[in-house]
PDB file of N, CA and C in Angstrom:
ATOM      1  N   MET A   1     -32.759 -48.864  38.523  1.00  0.00           N
ATOM      2  CA  MET A   1     -30.987 -48.103  38.474  1.00  0.00           C
ATOM      3  C   MET A   1     -30.874 -47.894  37.265  1.00  0.00           C
ATOM      4  N   ALA A   2     -31.292 -46.988  36.921  1.00  0.00           N
ATOM      5  CA  ALA A   2     -30.916 -45.711  35.493  1.00  0.00           C
ATOM      6  C   ALA A   2     -30.023 -44.874  35.487  1.00  0.00           C
ATOM      7  N   PHE A   3     -28.818 -44.534  34.942  1.00  0.00           N
ATOM      8  CA  PHE A   3     -27.924 -43.947  34.834  1.00  0.00           C
ATOM      9  C   PHE A   3     -28.226 -42.986  33.515  1.00  0.00           C
ATOM     10  N   THR A   4     -28.121 -41.563  34.060  1.00  0.00           N
ATOM     11  CA  THR A   4     -28.378 -40.382  33.027  1.00  0.00           C
ATOM     12  C   THR A   4     -27.307 -40.055  33.024  1.00  0.00           C
ATOM     13  N   GLU A   5     -26.861 -39.067  31.718  1.00  0.00           N
ATOM     14  CA  GLU A   5     -25.806 -38.004  31.461  1.00  0.00           C
ATOM     15  C   GLU A   5     -26.656 -36.668  31.603  1.00  0.00           C
ATOM     16  N   ARG A   6     -25.746 -35.641  31.490  1.00  0.00           N
ATOM     17  CA  ARG A   6     -26.410 -34.409  31.207  1.00  0.00           C
ATOM     18  C   ARG A   6     -25.218 -33.437  31.674  1.00  0.00           C
ATOM     19  N   GLN A   7     -25.340 -32.169  30.890  1.00  0.00           N
ATOM     20  CA  GLN A   7     -24.335 -31.167  31.066  1.00  0.00           C
ATOM     21  C   GLN A   7     -24.564 -29.795  31.619  1.00  0.00           C
ATOM     22  N   GLU A   8     -23.440 -29.154  32.014  1.00  0.00           N
ATOM     23  CA  GLU A   8     -23.819 -27.962  33.270  1.00  0.00           C
ATOM     24  C   GLU A   8     -22.195 -27.190  32.238  1.00  0.00           C
ATOM     25  N   HIS A   9     -22.794 -25.822  31.930  1.00  0.00           N
ATOM     26  CA  HIS A   9     -21.761 -24.762  31.128  1.00  0.00           C
ATOM     27  C   HIS A   9     -21.802 -23.694  32.213  1.00  0.00           C
ATOM     28  N   LYS A  10     -20.353 -23.230  32.192  1.00  0.00           N
ATOM     29  CA  LYS A  10     -20.210 -21.617  33.217  1.00  0.00           C
ATOM     30  C   LYS A  10     -19.505 -21.005  31.980  1.00  0.00           C
ATOM     31  N   ILE A  11     -19.998 -19.716  31.630  1.00  0.00           N
ATOM     32  CA  ILE A  11     -19.292 -19.067  30.393  1.00  0.00           C
ATOM     33  C   ILE A  11     -18.143 -18.042  30.993  1.00  0.00           C
ATOM     34  N   GLU A  12     -17.362 -17.459  30.824  1.00  0.00           N
ATOM     35  CA  GLU A  12     -17.078 -16.342  31.383  1.00  0.00           C
ATOM     36  C   GLU A  12     -16.127 -15.373  30.167  1.00  0.00           C
ATOM     37  N   ILE A  13     -16.214 -14.347  30.495  1.00  0.00           N
ATOM     38  CA  ILE A  13     -16.138 -12.877  28.868  1.00  0.00           C
ATOM     39  C   ILE A  13     -15.130 -12.842  29.574  1.00  0.00           C
ATOM     40  N   ILE A  14     -13.827 -12.824  28.807  1.00  0.00           N
ATOM     41  CA  ILE A  14     -12.347 -12.361  29.229  1.00  0.00           C
ATOM     42  C   ILE A  14     -12.192 -10.922  28.961  1.00  0.00           C
ATOM     43  N   PRO A  15     -12.139  -9.720  29.167  1.00  0.00           N
ATOM     44  CA  PRO A  15     -11.904  -8.464  28.225  1.00  0.00           C
ATOM     45  C   PRO A  15     -10.316  -8.588  27.479  1.00  0.00           C
ATOM     46  N   PRO A  16     -10.128  -7.370  27.100  1.00  0.00           N
ATOM     47  CA  PRO A  16     -11.237  -6.445  26.376  1.00  0.00           C
ATOM     48  C   PRO A  16     -11.938  -7.047  24.726  1.00  0.00           C
ATOM     49  N   PHE A  17     -11.529  -8.009  24.803  1.00  0.00           N
ATOM     50  CA  PHE A  17     -12.206  -8.280  23.577  1.00  0.00           C
ATOM     51  C   PHE A  17     -13.233  -9.369  23.685  1.00  0.00           C
ATOM     52  N   SER A  18     -13.859  -9.231  24.669  1.00  0.00           N
ATOM     53  CA  SER A  18     -15.085 -10.480  24.985  1.00  0.00           C
ATOM     54  C   SER A  18     -14.534 -11.978  24.235  1.00  0.00           C
ATOM     55  N   ILE A  19     -13.258 -12.470  24.652  1.00  0.00           N
ATOM     56  CA  ILE A  19     -12.874 -13.763  24.099  1.00  0.00           C
ATOM     57  C   ILE A  19     -13.949 -14.600  25.485  1.00  0.00           C
ATOM     58  N   LEU A  20     -14.272 -16.008  25.275  1.00  0.00           N
ATOM     59  CA  LEU A  20     -15.348 -16.461  25.715  1.00  0.00           C
ATOM     60  C   LEU A  20     -14.161 -17.781  26.317  1.00  0.00           C
ATOM     61  N   GLN A  21     -14.338 -18.000  27.469  1.00  0.00           N
ATOM     62  CA  GLN A  21     -14.040 -19.170  27.826  1.00  0.00           C
ATOM     63  C   GLN A  21     -15.344 -20.017  28.617  1.00  0.00           C
ATOM     64  N   CYS A  22     -15.552 -21.535  28.533  1.00  0.00           N
ATOM     65  CA  CYS A  22     -16.585 -22.459  28.606  1.00  0.00           C
ATOM     66  C   CYS A  22     -15.944 -23.425  29.444  1.00  0.00           C
ATOM     67  N   ARG A  23     -16.600 -23.848  30.548  1.00  0.00           N
ATOM     68  CA  ARG A  23     -16.057 -24.598  31.438  1.00  0.00           C
ATOM     69  C   ARG A  23     -17.570 -25.550  31.345  1.00  0.00           C
ATOM     70  N   ARG A  24     -17.127 -26.844  30.898  1.00  0.00           N
ATOM     71  CA  ARG A  24     -18.158 -27.353  30.528  1.00  0.00           C
ATOM     72  C   ARG A  24     -18.231 -28.988  31.848  1.00  0.00           C
ATOM     73  N   ALA A  25     -19.208 -29.210  32.306  1.00  0.00           N
ATOM     74  CA  ALA A  25     -19.154 -30.172  33.216  1.00  0.00           C
ATOM     75  C   ALA A  25     -20.247 -31.651  32.906  1.00  0.00           C
ATOM     76  N   ASP A  26     -19.411 -32.413  32.660  1.00  0.00           N
ATOM     77  CA  ASP A  26     -20.360 -33.765  32.297  1.00  0.00           C
ATOM     78  C   ASP A  26     -20.732 -34.706  33.458  1.00  0.00           C
ATOM     79  N   VAL A  27     -22.077 -34.480  33.928  1.00  0.00           N
ATOM     80  CA  VAL A  27     -22.262 -34.934  35.067  1.00  0.00           C
ATOM     81  C   VAL A  27     -23.478 -36.291  34.727  1.00  0.00           C
ATOM     82  N   VAL A  28     -23.157 -37.322  35.414  1.00  0.00           N
ATOM     83  CA  VAL A  28     -23.534 -38.459  35.798  1.00  0.00           C
ATOM     84  C   VAL A  28     -24.112 -38.707  36.904  1.00  0.00           C
ATOM     85  N   GLU A  29     -25.607 -39.555  36.342  1.00  0.00           N
ATOM     86  CA  GLU A  29     -26.556 -39.489  37.464  1.00  0.00           C
ATOM     87  C   GLU A  29     -26.632 -41.156  37.525  1.00  0.00           C
ATOM     88  N   LYS A  30     -26.924 -41.662  39.022  1.00  0.00           N
ATOM     89  CA  LYS A  30     -27.677 -42.534  39.137  1.00  0.00           C
ATOM     90  C   LYS A  30     -28.899 -43.057  39.666  1.00  0.00           C
ATOM     91  N   ASP A  31     -30.226 -43.396  39.241  1.00  0.00           N
ATOM     92  CA  ASP A  31     -31.108 -42.894  40.112  1.00  0.00           C
ATOM     93  C   ASP A  31     -31.788 -41.406  40.180  1.00  0.00           C
ATOM     94  N   GLY A  32     -31.075 -40.154  39.772  1.00  0.00           N
ATOM     95  CA  GLY A  32     -30.891 -39.011  40.379  1.00  0.00           C
ATOM     96  C   GLY A  32     -29.729 -38.494  41.391  1.00  0.00           C
ATOM     97  N   ILE A  33     -29.375 -39.249  41.618  1.00  0.00           N
ATOM     98  CA  ILE A  33     -27.803 -38.927  42.853  1.00  0.00           C
ATOM     99  C   ILE A  33     -26.739 -39.088  41.457  1.00  0.00           C
ATOM    100  N   GLU A  34     -26.072 -37.714  41.884  1.00  0.00           N
ATOM    101  CA  GLU A  34     -25.033 -37.795  41.316  1.00  0.00           C
ATOM    102  C   GLU A  34     -23.581 -38.860  41.726  1.00  0.00           C
ATOM    103  N   VAL A  35     -23.296 -39.348  40.860  1.00  0.00           N
ATOM    104  CA  VAL A  35     -21.917 -40.148  40.861  1.00  0.00           C
ATOM    105  C   VAL A  35     -20.754 -39.957  40.382  1.00  0.00           C
ATOM    106  N   GLY A  36     -20.558 -38.802  39.256  1.00  0.00           N
ATOM    107  CA  GLY A  36     -19.484 -38.418  38.582  1.00  0.00           C
ATOM    108  C   GLY A  36     -19.347 -37.528  38.069  1.00  0.00           C
ATOM    109  N   ARG A  37     -18.599 -36.741  37.633  1.00  0.00           N
ATOM    110  CA  ARG A  37     -18.219 -35.399  36.802  1.00  0.00           C
ATOM    111  C   ARG A  37     -16.863 -35.094  36.732  1.00  0.00           C
ATOM    112  N   THR A  38     -16.719 -34.785  35.232  1.00  0.00           N
ATOM    113  CA  THR A  38     -15.811 -34.495  34.560  1.00  0.00           C
ATOM    114  C   THR A  38     -16.091 -32.967  34.201  1.00  0.00           C
ATOM    115  N   TYR A  39     -15.027 -32.206  33.521  1.00  0.00           N
ATOM    116  CA  TYR A  39     -14.619 -31.036  33.317  1.00  0.00           C
ATOM    117  C   TYR A  39     -13.607 -31.099  31.945  1.00  0.00           C
ATOM    118  N   HIS A  40     -14.479 -30.163  31.348  1.00  0.00           N
ATOM    119  CA  HIS A  40     -13.633 -29.910  29.726  1.00  0.00           C
ATOM    120  C   HIS A  40     -13.501 -28.441  29.578  1.00  0.00           C
ATOM    121  N   ARG A  41     -12.733 -27.463  29.117  1.00  0.00           N
ATOM    122  CA  ARG A  41     -12.431 -26.632  29.155  1.00  0.00           C
ATOM    123  C   ARG A  41     -11.890 -26.205  27.784  1.00  0.00           C
ATOM    124  N   HIS A  42     -12.467 -25.074  27.001  1.00  0.00           N
ATOM    125  CA  HIS A  42     -12.333 -24.824  25.999  1.00  0.00           C
ATOM    126  C   HIS A  42     -12.697 -22.887  25.686  1.00  0.00           C
ATOM    127  N   VAL A  43     -11.954 -22.439  24.616  1.00  0.00           N
ATOM    128  CA  VAL A  43     -11.899 -20.716  24.730  1.00  0.00           C
ATOM    129  C   VAL A  43     -12.091 -20.504  22.676  1.00  0.00           C
ATOM    130  N   ARG A  44     -12.985 -19.799  22.648  1.00  0.00           N
ATOM    131  CA  ARG A  44     -13.503 -19.079  21.709  1.00  0.00           C
ATOM    132  C   ARG A  44     -13.320 -17.978  21.186  1.00  0.00           C
ATOM    133  N   VAL A  45     -12.539 -17.338  20.655  1.00  0.00           N
ATOM    134  CA  VAL A  45     -12.366 -16.158  20.296  1.00  0.00           C
ATOM    135  C   VAL A  45     -13.430 -15.061  18.961  1.00  0.00           C
ATOM    136  N   PRO A  46     -13.248 -14.011  19.270  1.00  0.00           N
ATOM    137  CA  PRO A  46     -13.987 -13.240  18.812  1.00  0.00           C
ATOM    138  C   PRO A  46     -13.500 -13.548  16.946  1.00  0.00           C
ATOM    139  N   GLY A  47     -15.029 -13.656  16.318  1.00  0.00           N
ATOM    140  CA  GLY A  47     -14.900 -14.490  14.331  1.00  0.00           C
ATOM    141  C   GLY A  47     -14.554 -15.913  14.481  1.00  0.00           C
ATOM    142  N   ASP A  48     -14.430 -16.723  15.480  1.00  0.00           N
ATOM    143  CA  ASP A  48     -14.604 -18.107  15.933  1.00  0.00           C
ATOM    144  C   ASP A  48     -15.901 -18.785  15.060  1.00  0.00           C
ATOM    145  N   ASP A  49     -15.930 -20.021  14.187  1.00  0.00           N
ATOM    146  CA  ASP A  49     -17.167 -20.453  14.338  1.00  0.00           C
ATOM    147  C   ASP A  49     -17.859 -21.441  15.203  1.00  0.00           C
ATOM    148  N   MET A  50     -19.001 -20.702  15.626  1.00  0.00           N
ATOM    149  CA  MET A  50     -19.872 -20.835  16.883  1.00  0.00           C
ATOM    150  C   MET A  50     -20.951 -22.416  16.604  1.00  0.00           C
ATOM    151  N   THR A  51     -20.828 -22.700  15.617  1.00  0.00           N
ATOM    152  CA  THR A  51     -21.353 -23.982  15.443  1.00  0.00           C
ATOM    153  C   THR A  51     -20.881 -25.283  16.229  1.00  0.00           C
ATOM    154  N   GLY A  52     -21.710 -25.912  16.575  1.00  0.00           N
ATOM    155  CA  GLY A  52     -21.438 -26.902  17.447  1.00  0.00           C
ATOM    156  C   GLY A  52     -21.637 -26.623  19.122  1.00  0.00           C
ATOM    157  N   GLU A  53     -21.384 -25.248  19.324  1.00  0.00           N
ATOM    158  CA  GLU A  53     -21.306 -24.557  20.749  1.00  0.00           C
ATOM    159  C   GLU A  53     -22.544 -24.660  21.537  1.00  0.00           C
ATOM    160  N   CYS A  54     -22.523 -24.698  22.784  1.00  0.00           N
ATOM    161  CA  CYS A  54     -23.905 -24.997  23.443  1.00  0.00           C
ATOM    162  C   CYS A  54     -24.752 -23.453  22.705  1.00  0.00           C
ATOM    163  N   ALA A  55     -26.014 -23.764  23.060  1.00  0.00           N
ATOM    164  CA  ALA A  55     -27.090 -22.320  22.534  1.00  0.00           C
ATOM    165  C   ALA A  55     -26.671 -21.066  24.228  1.00  0.00           C
ATOM    166  N   GLU A  56     -26.002 -21.156  24.706  1.00  0.00           N
ATOM    167  CA  GLU A  56     -25.781 -19.841  25.539  1.00  0.00           C
ATOM    168  C   GLU A  56     -24.302 -19.116  25.007  1.00  0.00           C
ATOM    169  N   MET A  57     -23.605 -19.986  24.651  1.00  0.00           N
ATOM    170  CA  MET A  57     -22.378 -19.969  23.751  1.00  0.00           C
ATOM    171  C   MET A  57     -22.712 -19.182  22.820  1.00  0.00           C
ATOM    172  N   GLN A  58     -23.369 -19.483  22.199  1.00  0.00           N
ATOM    173  CA  GLN A  58     -24.029 -18.958  20.730  1.00  0.00           C
ATOM    174  C   GLN A  58     -24.944 -17.556  20.727  1.00  0.00           C
ATOM    175  N   ALA A  59     -25.392 -17.622  22.001  1.00  0.00           N
ATOM    176  CA  ALA A  59     -26.277 -16.554  22.061  1.00  0.00           C
ATOM    177  C   ALA A  59     -24.823 -15.296  22.694  1.00  0.00           C
ATOM    178  N   VAL A  60     -24.399 -15.808  23.216  1.00  0.00           N
ATOM    179  CA  VAL A  60     -23.212 -14.606  23.802  1.00  0.00           C
ATOM    180  C   VAL A  60     -22.324 -14.309  23.075  1.00  0.00           C
ATOM    181  N   ALA A  61     -22.133 -15.329  22.174  1.00  0.00           N
ATOM    182  CA  ALA A  61     -21.122 -14.742  21.021  1.00  0.00           C
ATOM    183  C   ALA A  61     -21.891 -13.753  19.834  1.00  0.00           C
ATOM    184  N   ALA A  62     -23.255 -14.131  19.503  1.00  0.00           N
ATOM    185  CA  ALA A  62     -23.808 -13.196  19.044  1.00  0.00           C
ATOM    186  C   ALA A  62     -23.997 -12.117  19.635  1.00  0.00           C
ATOM    187  N   ALA A  63     -24.682 -11.746  20.662  1.00  0.00           N
ATOM    188  CA  ALA A  63     -24.438 -10.279  21.314  1.00  0.00           C
ATOM    189  C   ALA A  63     -23.212  -9.798  21.236  1.00  0.00           C
ATOM    190  N   LEU A  64     -22.219 -10.110  21.709  1.00  0.00           N
ATOM    191  CA  LEU A  64     -20.684  -9.262  21.655  1.00  0.00           C
ATOM    192  C   LEU A  64     -20.181  -8.960  21.234  1.00  0.00           C
ATOM    193  N   TRP A  65     -20.259 -10.104  20.134  1.00  0.00           N
ATOM    194  CA  TRP A  65     -19.076 -10.107  19.030  1.00  0.00           C
ATOM    195  C   TRP A  65     -19.796  -9.246  17.815  1.00  0.00           C
ATOM    196  N   THR A  66     -19.591  -7.957  17.759  1.00  0.00           N
ATOM    197  CA  THR A  66     -20.347  -7.373  16.809  1.00  0.00           C
ATOM    198  C   THR A  66     -18.850  -7.055  15.634  1.00  0.00           C
ATOM    199  N   PRO A  67     -19.009  -6.636  14.351  1.00  0.00           N
ATOM    200  CA  PRO A  67     -18.231  -6.560  13.579  1.00  0.00           C
ATOM    201  C   PRO A  67     -17.240  -5.821  14.045  1.00  0.00           C
ATOM    202  N   GLU A  68     -17.146  -4.322  14.635  1.00  0.00           N
ATOM    203  CA  GLU A  68     -16.002  -3.750  15.346  1.00  0.00           C
ATOM    204  C   GLU A  68     -14.764  -4.721  16.268  1.00  0.00           C
ATOM    205  N   VAL A  69     -16.235  -5.430  17.581  1.00  0.00           N
ATOM    206  CA  VAL A  69     -15.082  -6.176  18.378  1.00  0.00           C
ATOM    207  C   VAL A  69     -14.306  -7.131  17.156  1.00  0.00           C
ATOM    208  N   ILE A  70     -14.416  -7.993  16.360  1.00  0.00           N
ATOM    209  CA  ILE A  70     -14.124  -8.745  15.817  1.00  0.00           C
ATOM    210  C   ILE A  70     -12.857  -8.164  15.049  1.00  0.00           C
ATOM    211  N   ALA A  71     -12.930  -7.083  14.094  1.00  0.00           N
ATOM    212  CA  ALA A  71     -11.822  -6.410  13.667  1.00  0.00           C
ATOM    213  C   ALA A  71     -11.227  -5.851  14.479  1.00  0.00           C
ATOM    214  N   ALA A  72     -11.438  -5.551  15.712  1.00  0.00           N
ATOM    215  CA  ALA A  72     -10.204  -4.576  16.924  1.00  0.00           C
ATOM    216  C   ALA A  72      -9.622  -5.994  17.731  1.00  0.00           C
ATOM    217  N   TYR A  73     -10.186  -7.286  17.679  1.00  0.00           N
ATOM    218  CA  TYR A  73      -9.662  -8.398  17.846  1.00  0.00           C
ATOM    219  C   TYR A  73      -8.341  -8.813  16.912  1.00  0.00           C
ATOM    220  N   GLN A  74      -9.135  -8.990  15.457  1.00  0.00           N
ATOM    221  CA  GLN A  74      -7.891  -9.155  14.566  1.00  0.00           C
ATOM    222  C   GLN A  74      -6.860  -8.409  14.432  1.00  0.00           C
ATOM    223  N   ALA A  75      -6.973  -6.967  14.388  1.00  0.00           N
ATOM    224  CA  ALA A  75      -5.924  -5.986  14.471  1.00  0.00           C
ATOM    225  C   ALA A  75      -4.953  -6.396  15.375  1.00  0.00           C
ATOM    226  N   SER A  76      -5.098  -6.791  16.607  1.00  0.00           N
ATOM    227  CA  SER A  76      -4.548  -6.781  17.657  1.00  0.00           C
ATOM    228  C   SER A  76      -3.515  -7.688  17.984  1.00  0.00           C
ATOM    229  N   ILE A  77      -3.893  -8.712  16.286  1.00  0.00           N
ATOM    230  CA  ILE A  77      -3.134 -10.242  17.147  1.00  0.00           C
ATOM    231  C   ILE A  77      -2.009  -9.514  15.653  1.00  0.00           C
ATOM    232  N   THR A  78      -0.752 -10.394  16.332  1.00  0.00           N
ATOM    233  CA  THR A  78       0.354 -10.144  16.046  1.00  0.00           C
ATOM    234  C   THR A  78       1.086 -11.386  14.751  1.00  0.00           C
ATOM    235  N   THR A  79       1.423 -10.951  13.879  1.00  0.00           N
ATOM    236  CA  THR A  79       1.981 -12.085  13.456  1.00  0.00           C
ATOM    237  C   THR A  79       3.831 -11.611  13.263  1.00  0.00           C
ATOM    238  N   PRO A  80       4.065 -13.271  13.784  1.00  0.00           N
ATOM    239  CA  PRO A  80       5.725 -13.125  14.196  1.00  0.00           C
ATOM    240  C   PRO A  80       6.496 -13.088  12.694  1.00  0.00           C
ATOM    241  N   GLU A  81       7.458 -12.462  12.763  1.00  0.00           N
ATOM    242  CA  GLU A  81       8.532 -11.804  11.902  1.00  0.00           C
ATOM    243  C   GLU A  81       8.940 -12.781  11.334  1.00  0.00           C
ATOM    244  N   VAL A  82       9.083 -13.018   9.922  1.00  0.00           N
ATOM    245  CA  VAL A  82       9.804 -14.126   9.297  1.00  0.00           C
ATOM    246  C   VAL A  82      11.430 -13.462   9.617  1.00  0.00           C
ATOM    247  N   VAL A  83      12.311 -14.348   9.670  1.00  0.00           N
ATOM    248  CA  VAL A  83      14.007 -14.019   9.775  1.00  0.00           C
ATOM    249  C   VAL A  83      14.126 -14.802   8.953  1.00  0.00           C
TER     250      VAL A  83
END
């Protein structure tokens, strides 16, 4: 009767700036049979620090987030006016 835990990742790419959304499933198994699953979702935008992300997220970010994409994303962010 051994419990094991593993993670599964689903990565979505959201245009036009290749924003990355990751759904992580934390799976608990007992003797190889799944007995529990919980989900966690988070988003990373071009230029974010990817330290600590899964290898798949890091690879996708490295491939998509060119300096031009990061600059275009930064230019699209508007700052609120101070009244």
